[in-house]
Amino acid sequence: MIENIPPCPKCSCEYTYEMDALVVCPECGHEWVPAEGGTDSGAPAERVVKDSVGNVLQDGDSVVVVKALKVRGNPSGIKAGTKVRNIRLVDGVDGHDIDCKIDGFGAMQLKSSVVKKG
């Protein structure tokens, strides 16, 4: 058992708790192994996000949507082949790891599994 349980590396919540071998944050739901955490002076590990064909994505890239997507509140949705410019990588909810603005739709979050770098 850890005497001083570290705060959440994602949201800095101090009310983290142990569950089996993991430490869990009750606010954001992030789970991690405590031994992985504090070795690199508190800096978070670099996360690699890949598109649907395995290309590594970075902030500012342009991507193309590879399959038609339904959008709540919009009858037409986003068509396959829609170009999205200047993406931003985020730790989103339910695997949505791309923040972007799409012409005609506005601000959206997308999953990297439905886009291709291009």
Protein backbone atom coordinates (compact mmCIF):
# COMPACT_ATOMS: atom_id res chain seq x y z
CA MET A 1 0.00 0.00 0.00
CA ILE A 2 1.31 3.45 -0.91
CA GLU A 3 1.57 5.81 2.04
CA ASN A 4 1.41 9.02 0.03
CA ILE A 5 -0.85 8.42 -2.94
CA PRO A 6 0.14 10.80 -5.77
CA PRO A 7 -2.39 13.22 -7.31
CA CYS A 8 -3.87 12.43 -10.71
CA PRO A 9 -1.40 13.23 -13.53
CA LYS A 10 -4.28 14.22 -15.83
CA CYS A 11 -6.46 16.52 -13.71
CA SER A 12 -4.34 16.99 -10.53
CA CYS A 13 -7.13 15.70 -8.30
CA GLU A 14 -5.80 14.91 -4.83
CA TYR A 15 -8.54 12.38 -3.94
CA THR A 16 -6.99 9.43 -5.79
CA TYR A 17 -7.26 5.93 -4.34
CA GLU A 18 -5.74 2.48 -4.80
CA MET A 19 -7.58 -0.33 -6.57
CA ASP A 20 -5.57 -3.54 -6.84
CA ALA A 21 -2.24 -2.56 -8.46
CA LEU A 22 -3.62 0.69 -9.92
CA VAL A 23 -4.20 4.20 -8.62
CA VAL A 24 -7.56 5.64 -9.73
CA CYS A 25 -8.84 9.22 -9.99
CA PRO A 26 -12.51 9.57 -8.95
CA GLU A 27 -12.97 12.83 -10.88
CA CYS A 28 -11.70 11.99 -14.39
CA GLY A 29 -11.53 8.18 -14.15
CA HIS A 30 -7.85 8.00 -15.12
CA GLU A 31 -6.06 4.84 -13.95
CA TRP A 32 -2.29 4.31 -13.77
CA VAL A 33 0.38 2.16 -12.18
CA PRO A 34 2.15 4.26 -9.52
CA ALA A 35 5.63 2.92 -10.39
CA GLU A 36 5.27 4.34 -13.93
CA GLY A 37 4.51 7.82 -12.72
CA GLY A 38 7.23 9.72 -10.92
CA THR A 39 10.43 8.75 -12.72
CA ASP A 40 10.75 11.67 -15.13
CA SER A 41 10.46 14.78 -12.94
CA GLY A 42 6.65 14.92 -13.16
CA ALA A 43 6.43 15.47 -16.92
CA PRO A 44 3.66 13.41 -18.53
CA ALA A 45 4.73 10.71 -20.99
CA GLU A 46 4.42 11.63 -24.67
CA ARG A 47 1.32 10.01 -26.13
CA VAL A 48 1.40 8.72 -29.69
CA VAL A 49 -1.83 9.03 -31.69
CA LYS A 50 -2.11 7.13 -34.99
CA ASP A 51 -4.66 7.47 -37.76
CA SER A 52 -6.67 4.63 -39.33
CA VAL A 53 -3.70 3.41 -41.43
CA GLY A 54 -1.00 3.80 -38.77
CA ASN A 55 0.47 7.24 -39.56
CA VAL A 56 1.50 9.22 -36.48
CA LEU A 57 -0.61 12.37 -36.02
CA GLN A 58 0.61 15.66 -34.55
CA ASP A 59 -0.98 18.99 -33.63
CA GLY A 60 -1.60 21.11 -36.73
CA ASP A 61 -1.87 18.21 -39.19
CA SER A 62 -4.56 17.99 -41.84
CA VAL A 63 -6.63 14.82 -42.03
CA VAL A 64 -9.37 13.35 -44.21
CA VAL A 65 -12.43 11.57 -42.77
CA VAL A 66 -12.42 7.99 -44.13
CA LYS A 67 -16.00 6.97 -43.34
CA ALA A 68 -19.34 8.74 -43.13
CA LEU A 69 -20.13 9.90 -39.60
CA LYS A 70 -23.53 10.59 -38.07
CA VAL A 71 -23.73 13.82 -36.08
CA ARG A 72 -26.37 14.28 -33.42
CA GLY A 73 -28.67 17.17 -34.28
CA ASN A 74 -27.61 17.26 -37.94
CA PRO A 75 -29.49 15.19 -40.52
CA SER A 76 -26.68 15.01 -43.09
CA GLY A 77 -23.64 14.12 -40.94
CA ILE A 78 -20.03 14.28 -42.10
CA LYS A 79 -19.29 12.65 -45.46
CA ALA A 80 -16.29 10.43 -46.13
CA GLY A 81 -13.56 12.49 -47.81
CA THR A 82 -14.20 15.64 -45.76
CA LYS A 83 -10.89 17.45 -45.20
CA VAL A 84 -10.15 18.71 -41.68
CA ARG A 85 -7.30 21.19 -41.19
CA ASN A 86 -5.26 22.16 -38.16
CA ILE A 87 -6.21 19.37 -35.76
CA ARG A 88 -5.31 19.38 -32.06
CA LEU A 89 -4.63 16.17 -30.15
CA VAL A 90 -6.41 15.88 -26.79
CA ASP A 91 -7.23 13.29 -24.15
CA GLY A 92 -10.93 13.15 -24.90
CA VAL A 93 -13.87 11.13 -23.68
CA ASP A 94 -14.69 7.70 -25.21
CA GLY A 95 -11.62 7.64 -27.47
CA HIS A 96 -12.27 11.00 -29.11
CA ASP A 97 -8.67 12.20 -29.29
CA ILE A 98 -8.82 14.89 -32.01
CA ASP A 99 -10.20 18.39 -31.46
CA CYS A 100 -10.99 20.27 -34.67
CA LYS A 101 -13.28 22.67 -36.52
CA ILE A 102 -15.10 21.34 -39.57
CA ASP A 103 -16.52 23.77 -42.12
CA GLY A 104 -20.32 23.69 -41.91
CA PHE A 105 -20.34 21.87 -38.55
CA GLY A 106 -18.14 23.89 -36.18
CA ALA A 107 -16.06 22.54 -33.30
CA MET A 108 -16.01 18.75 -33.00
CA GLN A 109 -14.09 15.89 -31.47
CA LEU A 110 -13.17 12.92 -33.66
CA LYS A 111 -11.63 9.53 -33.11
CA SER A 112 -8.26 8.98 -34.77
CA SER A 113 -9.57 5.65 -36.08
CA VAL A 114 -11.90 7.42 -38.56
CA VAL A 115 -9.36 9.78 -40.13
CA LYS A 116 -6.37 9.44 -42.44
CA LYS A 117 -3.43 11.86 -42.57
CA GLY A 118 -3.46 13.84 -45.76
